[in-house]
Amino acid sequence: MTVATQESSLEATMNAMGEAARAAARALREMPAETKARALRAAARAIRDGAKDILAANAQDMRAAKDLTPALRDRLVLNDARVEAMAKGVDDVAALPDPVGRELARWRQPNGLDIARVTTPIGVIGIVYESRPNVTADAGALCVKAGNAVILRGGSESAHSSRAIHAALIAGLTREGLPMAAIQIVPTTDRAAVGLMLRGLNGALDLIVPRGGKGLVGRVREEARVAVLAHLEGICHVYIHEAADLAKARAIAVNSKMRRTGVCGAAETLLIDRAALATHLKPVLDDLAATGCEIRADREIRVLWPRAKPASEEDWGREYLDAIISVKTVDGVADAVRHIEAHGSQHTETIVTEDAEAAERFLASLDSAIVFWNASTQFADGAEFGMGAEIGIATGKLHARGPVGVEQLTSFKYVVRGDGQVRP
């Protein structure tokens, strides 16, 4: 087969998937809430029943992933607990209130027109993701719950795992009468398939959601001809204020950085008030170093904690996704906010303090999608927000910000009821 023939065949396959997804979206739009919930519960059971096959597929992916960093391998690997967490996530999504058909507002005009703003599915969503096979289950469940059809394109490194999870989802959904095309997975690892999705599949796709590294998200933002919902980087900060409780500061700093270094909510920079250096610096950095974290710091901190490596200017805006953290001295809340605004990615930040006024100033001043007070940045996750699961964290200003759950996967329309009115 020639290259041109292969490209033509792939385009035909992808466009057919788009057509099927559009038909499935029409069916889902009218589907009763209980039918969707029942189908998702069946999909969760199918994941549990298919755990052996899912883990065997994941073992294939792991054998081929020897060159990945430890953080990326951690994203990829599945075990019994993670498969059960996936199934529970689908069950949790099934149990959420149905987001479709909610009346957001209603009013009556002087001419008698009755106007309601009502939530409605977006339509067909394309999701492009890397490494993490659990996204297959999370994204599929969330889209179906919100009445959308979805086309999934996972990374080549997780191809076997994603296909096995997808097979389980479809087995459960179709058992309860949902269309097979409600959740589709691209059958090839050819990067050209991503390009076709970014072009919209002949108008079938309404929204693209990329979930992965800077290279993937950058490509999607640059090439997409349909709307994009994404975050580019997770440059998250922990700020230890002068009034921080030491025990909380130690626990939050270590958990924010080291619980899982490869997730987007992992802290990449630690900011410490100059007034807290004498009391908080050494215990916090000792704890981080004891867990295997590399410390890169400014000159003032290196004088007090000589084991730190020098931080370059680039380190302040670097997403390590590894056991490395940059540490900088700041003078109060305003200075911390200035640093975050200059070097952050508007993803997630936390302040550790017992001073409520300082905390509220920090929370109000920052324009990041998620801001915490006395809690780990690793709570930047839809499941931890009670959303059941999430597709990703959005840092844009329009439509959705923060964890993207079922509500963020809906739009709205205006339903206007009249009694023969005509416009003069």
Foldseek 3Di string as FASTA:
>chain_A
DDPVVVLVVLLVVLLVLLVLQQVLLVVLQPDDLLLLLQLLLLLLVLLVVLVVQLQVLLVVLLVVCPPDDPLLSVLQHDDPVNSNLLSQLSNLLSPDPQQFFDWPDWDADPVGKTKTKTWTFLEEEEEEEERHLSLLSQVLSQQSSLSGAYEYEYAPSNLSNNVSSLVSSLVSNVVSPRDSSSYHYSPDNPCVSVLSVLAPSVVSHAEYEYYYALVVVVVSVVRHPHHYFYFRAQAEEEEEELQFDQVLLQVQLQCLAPVRLQDSLRHAEYEYEPNCCVPRLVSNVVSLVVSPAAEAEDPVSCVVVVSHHHDDPVSLQDRPSDRYHYYYYAHALVRVQVSCVVRPRLAEYEYGHPDVVSRVCNVVSHNRLYYYYSHHSVCQFCVSVSQSGASHAGGDDPQDGGGHGNNSSIDIDMDIDDDPDDDD
